[in-house]
């Protein structure tokens, strides 16, 4: 589904629950969609340290713990918060349009 401003739908907003990320695919890329304190966030699904899917990880507050080596990232910024992770995740601004969580896939960014 393609929307204005380059936005593309990842999943239904109703499918994402606090503490339960959703894995979504778009154009051959995998994303992890989060709901934290009422706000949606989108990161790359693949951990920057190893082959772990962050959508299968453990959410605690604003952090996601990778199921592969238990490293952690800040869901809001993509910044690594616990070893062995040292490289930030790509993140995208999430917007809800017509009940769908949407991103512009070309506007991904990494935490400084």
N, C-alpha and C. Protein backbone atom coordinates (compact mmCIF):
# COMPACT_ATOMS: atom_id res chain seq x y z
N UNK A 1 0.85 -1.18 0.00
CA UNK A 1 0.00 0.00 0.00
C UNK A 1 0.89 1.24 0.00
N UNK A 2 0.79 2.06 -1.00
CA UNK A 2 1.59 3.27 -1.11
C UNK A 2 0.71 4.48 -0.81
N UNK A 3 1.21 5.37 0.04
CA UNK A 3 0.46 6.55 0.47
C UNK A 3 1.21 7.81 0.06
N UNK A 4 0.65 8.95 0.35
CA UNK A 4 1.31 10.23 0.05
C UNK A 4 2.61 10.37 0.81
N UNK A 5 3.45 11.28 0.38
CA UNK A 5 4.74 11.57 1.01
C UNK A 5 5.67 10.37 1.07
N UNK A 6 5.48 9.40 0.18
CA UNK A 6 6.36 8.23 0.17
C UNK A 6 6.07 7.23 1.27
N UNK A 7 5.00 7.44 2.03
CA UNK A 7 4.69 6.52 3.12
C UNK A 7 4.19 5.19 2.59
N UNK A 8 4.60 4.13 3.27
CA UNK A 8 4.13 2.79 2.93
C UNK A 8 3.72 2.09 4.21
N UNK A 9 2.64 1.32 4.13
CA UNK A 9 2.10 0.63 5.30
C UNK A 9 2.91 -0.61 5.64
N UNK A 10 3.19 -0.77 6.94
CA UNK A 10 3.89 -1.96 7.42
C UNK A 10 2.93 -3.00 8.00
N UNK A 11 1.96 -2.53 8.81
CA UNK A 11 1.04 -3.45 9.47
C UNK A 11 -0.13 -2.66 10.03
N UNK A 12 -1.15 -3.38 10.49
CA UNK A 12 -2.27 -2.74 11.18
C UNK A 12 -1.79 -2.26 12.54
N UNK A 13 -2.14 -1.05 12.90
CA UNK A 13 -1.77 -0.52 14.21
C UNK A 13 -2.35 -1.39 15.33
N UNK A 14 -3.52 -1.96 15.10
CA UNK A 14 -4.17 -2.78 16.12
C UNK A 14 -3.43 -4.09 16.38
N UNK A 15 -2.52 -4.48 15.47
CA UNK A 15 -1.77 -5.73 15.62
C UNK A 15 -0.58 -5.57 16.58
N UNK A 16 -0.22 -4.33 16.89
CA UNK A 16 0.95 -4.06 17.72
C UNK A 16 0.49 -3.74 19.14
N UNK A 17 1.02 -4.49 20.10
CA UNK A 17 0.67 -4.27 21.51
C UNK A 17 1.91 -3.87 22.28
N UNK A 18 1.70 -3.17 23.40
CA UNK A 18 2.82 -2.83 24.28
C UNK A 18 3.55 -4.13 24.61
N UNK A 19 4.86 -4.11 24.59
CA UNK A 19 5.71 -5.25 24.94
C UNK A 19 5.66 -6.41 23.95
N UNK A 20 4.96 -6.26 22.82
CA UNK A 20 4.89 -7.33 21.83
C UNK A 20 5.15 -6.77 20.44
N UNK A 21 6.43 -6.71 20.01
CA UNK A 21 6.74 -6.18 18.69
C UNK A 21 6.17 -7.04 17.57
N UNK A 22 6.04 -6.43 16.41
CA UNK A 22 5.55 -7.13 15.22
C UNK A 22 6.63 -7.03 14.14
N UNK A 23 6.90 -8.14 13.47
CA UNK A 23 7.84 -8.14 12.35
C UNK A 23 7.04 -7.86 11.09
N UNK A 24 7.54 -6.94 10.28
CA UNK A 24 6.88 -6.60 9.02
C UNK A 24 7.92 -6.58 7.92
N UNK A 25 7.51 -6.93 6.71
CA UNK A 25 8.42 -6.90 5.56
C UNK A 25 7.87 -5.93 4.53
N UNK A 26 8.80 -5.22 3.90
CA UNK A 26 8.44 -4.26 2.88
C UNK A 26 9.62 -4.16 1.91
N UNK A 27 9.38 -4.44 0.65
CA UNK A 27 10.43 -4.33 -0.35
C UNK A 27 11.66 -5.16 -0.06
N UNK A 28 11.46 -6.34 0.52
CA UNK A 28 12.58 -7.23 0.81
C UNK A 28 13.32 -6.91 2.10
N UNK A 29 12.90 -5.89 2.81
CA UNK A 29 13.52 -5.51 4.09
C UNK A 29 12.60 -5.91 5.24
N UNK A 30 13.20 -6.28 6.38
CA UNK A 30 12.42 -6.65 7.56
C UNK A 30 12.52 -5.53 8.60
N UNK A 31 11.39 -5.22 9.20
CA UNK A 31 11.28 -4.16 10.19
C UNK A 31 10.66 -4.72 11.47
N UNK A 32 10.99 -4.10 12.60
CA UNK A 32 10.34 -4.42 13.87
C UNK A 32 9.51 -3.20 14.25
N UNK A 33 8.23 -3.41 14.54
CA UNK A 33 7.30 -2.33 14.88
C UNK A 33 6.96 -2.47 16.36
N UNK A 34 7.11 -1.37 17.09
CA UNK A 34 6.91 -1.36 18.54
C UNK A 34 5.85 -0.34 18.93
N UNK A 35 5.20 -0.60 20.06
CA UNK A 35 4.30 0.35 20.70
C UNK A 35 4.84 0.55 22.11
N UNK A 36 5.33 1.76 22.39
CA UNK A 36 5.92 2.06 23.70
C UNK A 36 5.26 3.31 24.25
N UNK A 37 4.62 3.17 25.40
CA UNK A 37 3.95 4.28 26.07
C UNK A 37 3.03 5.03 25.12
N UNK A 38 2.29 4.28 24.30
CA UNK A 38 1.29 4.86 23.41
C UNK A 38 1.83 5.38 22.08
N UNK A 39 3.14 5.29 21.84
CA UNK A 39 3.73 5.78 20.60
C UNK A 39 4.31 4.61 19.80
N UNK A 40 4.21 4.69 18.48
CA UNK A 40 4.76 3.66 17.60
C UNK A 40 6.18 4.01 17.20
N UNK A 41 7.03 2.98 17.11
CA UNK A 41 8.42 3.11 16.69
C UNK A 41 8.73 1.98 15.73
N UNK A 42 9.63 2.26 14.79
CA UNK A 42 10.03 1.24 13.81
C UNK A 42 11.55 1.23 13.74
N UNK A 43 12.12 0.01 13.85
CA UNK A 43 13.56 -0.20 13.69
C UNK A 43 13.77 -1.31 12.67
N UNK A 44 15.03 -1.46 12.25
CA UNK A 44 15.35 -2.64 11.46
C UNK A 44 15.10 -3.84 12.35
N UNK A 45 14.71 -4.95 11.76
CA UNK A 45 14.42 -6.14 12.55
C UNK A 45 15.69 -6.89 12.94
N UNK A 46 16.69 -6.89 12.07
CA UNK A 46 17.91 -7.65 12.32
C UNK A 46 18.84 -6.89 13.27
N UNK A 47 19.26 -7.55 14.32
CA UNK A 47 20.20 -6.99 15.28
C UNK A 47 21.50 -6.62 14.55
N UNK A 48 22.15 -5.55 14.97
CA UNK A 48 23.41 -5.14 14.35
C UNK A 48 24.59 -5.99 14.82
N UNK A 49 24.38 -6.83 15.83
CA UNK A 49 25.47 -7.65 16.36
C UNK A 49 25.46 -9.07 15.83
N UNK A 50 24.29 -9.61 15.55
CA UNK A 50 24.19 -11.00 15.12
C UNK A 50 22.89 -11.26 14.42
N UNK A 51 22.55 -12.51 14.19
CA UNK A 51 21.38 -12.86 13.39
C UNK A 51 20.04 -12.82 14.12
N UNK A 52 19.95 -12.15 15.25
CA UNK A 52 18.71 -12.12 16.02
C UNK A 52 17.64 -11.23 15.41
N UNK A 53 16.39 -11.69 15.45
CA UNK A 53 15.23 -10.89 15.04
C UNK A 53 14.74 -10.11 16.25
N UNK A 54 14.78 -8.80 16.18
CA UNK A 54 14.37 -7.98 17.33
C UNK A 54 12.87 -8.11 17.60
N UNK A 55 12.08 -8.44 16.59
CA UNK A 55 10.65 -8.65 16.80
C UNK A 55 10.40 -9.87 17.68
N UNK A 56 11.42 -10.73 17.82
CA UNK A 56 11.31 -11.90 18.70
C UNK A 56 11.98 -11.64 20.05
N UNK A 57 12.44 -10.42 20.26
CA UNK A 57 13.14 -10.07 21.49
C UNK A 57 12.21 -9.73 22.63
N UNK A 58 12.81 -9.37 23.76
CA UNK A 58 12.10 -9.07 24.99
C UNK A 58 12.09 -7.55 25.21
N UNK A 59 10.89 -6.97 25.31
CA UNK A 59 10.75 -5.54 25.53
C UNK A 59 10.68 -5.26 27.02
N UNK A 60 11.52 -4.33 27.47
CA UNK A 60 11.46 -3.89 28.86
C UNK A 60 11.55 -2.37 28.86
N UNK A 61 10.42 -1.73 29.16
CA UNK A 61 10.38 -0.27 29.11
C UNK A 61 10.59 0.20 27.69
N UNK A 62 11.64 0.99 27.48
CA UNK A 62 11.96 1.53 26.16
C UNK A 62 13.10 0.79 25.48
N UNK A 63 13.43 -0.41 25.99
CA UNK A 63 14.52 -1.18 25.42
C UNK A 63 14.03 -2.49 24.83
N UNK A 64 14.73 -2.93 23.78
CA UNK A 64 14.50 -4.25 23.21
C UNK A 64 15.76 -5.06 23.43
N UNK A 65 15.58 -6.26 23.95
CA UNK A 65 16.71 -7.18 24.16
C UNK A 65 16.73 -8.18 23.03
N UNK A 66 17.85 -8.27 22.32
CA UNK A 66 18.00 -9.21 21.23
C UNK A 66 17.98 -10.65 21.77
N UNK A 67 17.23 -11.54 21.13
CA UNK A 67 17.19 -12.92 21.60
C UNK A 67 18.46 -13.71 21.28
N UNK A 68 19.36 -13.16 20.47
CA UNK A 68 20.55 -13.90 20.06
C UNK A 68 21.66 -13.83 21.12
N UNK A 69 22.08 -12.63 21.51
CA UNK A 69 23.15 -12.48 22.51
C UNK A 69 22.75 -11.59 23.69
N UNK A 70 21.47 -11.26 23.80
CA UNK A 70 20.92 -10.47 24.90
C UNK A 70 21.45 -9.03 24.97
N UNK A 71 22.00 -8.53 23.88
CA UNK A 71 22.34 -7.11 23.82
C UNK A 71 21.05 -6.31 23.77
N UNK A 72 21.13 -5.01 24.06
CA UNK A 72 19.92 -4.19 24.11
C UNK A 72 20.08 -2.90 23.32
N UNK A 73 18.92 -2.38 22.88
CA UNK A 73 18.85 -1.12 22.16
C UNK A 73 17.70 -0.28 22.71
N UNK A 74 17.84 1.04 22.60
CA UNK A 74 16.74 1.95 22.91
C UNK A 74 15.81 1.93 21.70
N UNK A 75 14.58 1.52 21.90
CA UNK A 75 13.61 1.41 20.82
C UNK A 75 13.36 2.77 20.17
N UNK A 76 13.38 3.83 20.96
CA UNK A 76 13.04 5.17 20.47
C UNK A 76 14.11 5.75 19.56
N UNK A 77 15.38 5.41 19.80
CA UNK A 77 16.47 6.03 19.04
C UNK A 77 17.30 5.03 18.24
N UNK A 78 17.25 3.76 18.60
CA UNK A 78 18.08 2.74 17.97
C UNK A 78 19.46 2.62 18.58
N UNK A 79 19.78 3.47 19.56
CA UNK A 79 21.10 3.45 20.18
C UNK A 79 21.31 2.17 20.99
N UNK A 80 22.51 1.58 20.92
CA UNK A 80 22.80 0.40 21.75
C UNK A 80 22.87 0.81 23.21
N UNK A 81 22.32 -0.04 24.09
CA UNK A 81 22.32 0.27 25.53
C UNK A 81 22.98 -0.81 26.37
N UNK A 82 23.28 -1.97 25.78
CA UNK A 82 23.94 -3.04 26.54
C UNK A 82 24.77 -3.90 25.60
N UNK A 83 25.94 -4.30 26.08
CA UNK A 83 26.83 -5.17 25.31
C UNK A 83 26.14 -6.51 25.07
N UNK A 84 26.50 -7.17 23.99
CA UNK A 84 27.62 -6.89 23.11
C UNK A 84 27.29 -5.93 21.96
N UNK A 85 26.11 -5.35 21.96
CA UNK A 85 25.72 -4.46 20.86
C UNK A 85 26.43 -3.11 20.98
N UNK A 86 27.04 -2.68 19.87
CA UNK A 86 27.75 -1.40 19.86
C UNK A 86 27.33 -0.53 18.68
N UNK A 87 26.73 -1.11 17.65
CA UNK A 87 26.31 -0.35 16.48
C UNK A 87 24.81 -0.07 16.55
N UNK A 88 24.43 1.18 16.32
CA UNK A 88 23.03 1.60 16.39
C UNK A 88 22.18 0.93 15.30
N UNK A 89 20.90 0.80 15.59
CA UNK A 89 19.93 0.31 14.63
C UNK A 89 19.48 1.45 13.73
N UNK A 90 19.05 1.11 12.52
CA UNK A 90 18.34 2.09 11.69
C UNK A 90 16.93 2.21 12.25
N UNK A 91 16.42 3.43 12.25
CA UNK A 91 15.06 3.68 12.72
C UNK A 91 14.32 4.52 11.68
N UNK A 92 13.02 4.47 11.74
CA UNK A 92 12.16 5.24 10.85
C UNK A 92 11.08 5.91 11.68
N UNK A 93 10.67 7.09 11.25
CA UNK A 93 9.55 7.77 11.89
C UNK A 93 8.28 7.02 11.52
N UNK A 94 7.53 6.61 12.53
CA UNK A 94 6.29 5.88 12.31
C UNK A 94 5.11 6.83 12.38
N UNK A 95 4.21 6.67 11.43
CA UNK A 95 2.96 7.44 11.43
C UNK A 95 1.80 6.48 11.21
N UNK A 96 0.70 6.75 11.88
CA UNK A 96 -0.49 5.93 11.70
C UNK A 96 -1.41 6.65 10.72
N UNK A 97 -1.71 5.96 9.62
CA UNK A 97 -2.60 6.49 8.59
C UNK A 97 -3.66 5.44 8.30
N UNK A 98 -4.91 5.82 8.48
CA UNK A 98 -6.03 4.90 8.23
C UNK A 98 -5.87 3.58 8.98
N UNK A 99 -5.39 3.64 10.22
CA UNK A 99 -5.26 2.45 11.05
C UNK A 99 -4.05 1.59 10.76
N UNK A 100 -3.15 2.06 9.91
CA UNK A 100 -1.94 1.32 9.56
C UNK A 100 -0.70 2.07 10.06
N UNK A 101 0.29 1.31 10.55
CA UNK A 101 1.58 1.91 10.91
C UNK A 101 2.36 2.04 9.61
N UNK A 102 2.79 3.27 9.30
CA UNK A 102 3.45 3.58 8.03
C UNK A 102 4.80 4.23 8.25
N UNK A 103 5.68 4.02 7.29
CA UNK A 103 6.99 4.68 7.27
C UNK A 103 7.29 5.10 5.84
N UNK A 104 8.26 5.99 5.70
CA UNK A 104 8.86 6.25 4.40
C UNK A 104 10.17 5.46 4.42
N UNK A 105 10.26 4.35 3.69
CA UNK A 105 11.43 3.47 3.81
C UNK A 105 12.76 4.11 3.44
N UNK A 106 12.75 5.18 2.65
CA UNK A 106 14.01 5.81 2.27
C UNK A 106 14.50 6.80 3.33
N UNK A 107 13.73 7.02 4.37
CA UNK A 107 14.12 7.99 5.39
C UNK A 107 14.63 7.36 6.68
N UNK A 108 15.22 6.17 6.59
CA UNK A 108 15.80 5.53 7.77
C UNK A 108 17.02 6.31 8.25
N UNK A 109 17.27 6.27 9.57
CA UNK A 109 18.40 6.98 10.14
C UNK A 109 19.00 6.16 11.28
N UNK A 110 20.24 6.50 11.66
CA UNK A 110 20.91 5.84 12.77
C UNK A 110 21.19 6.86 13.85
N UNK A 111 21.14 6.41 15.11
CA UNK A 111 21.47 7.27 16.24
C UNK A 111 22.94 7.68 16.14
N UNK A 112 23.23 8.87 16.61
CA UNK A 112 24.63 9.36 16.57
C UNK A 112 25.49 8.64 17.58
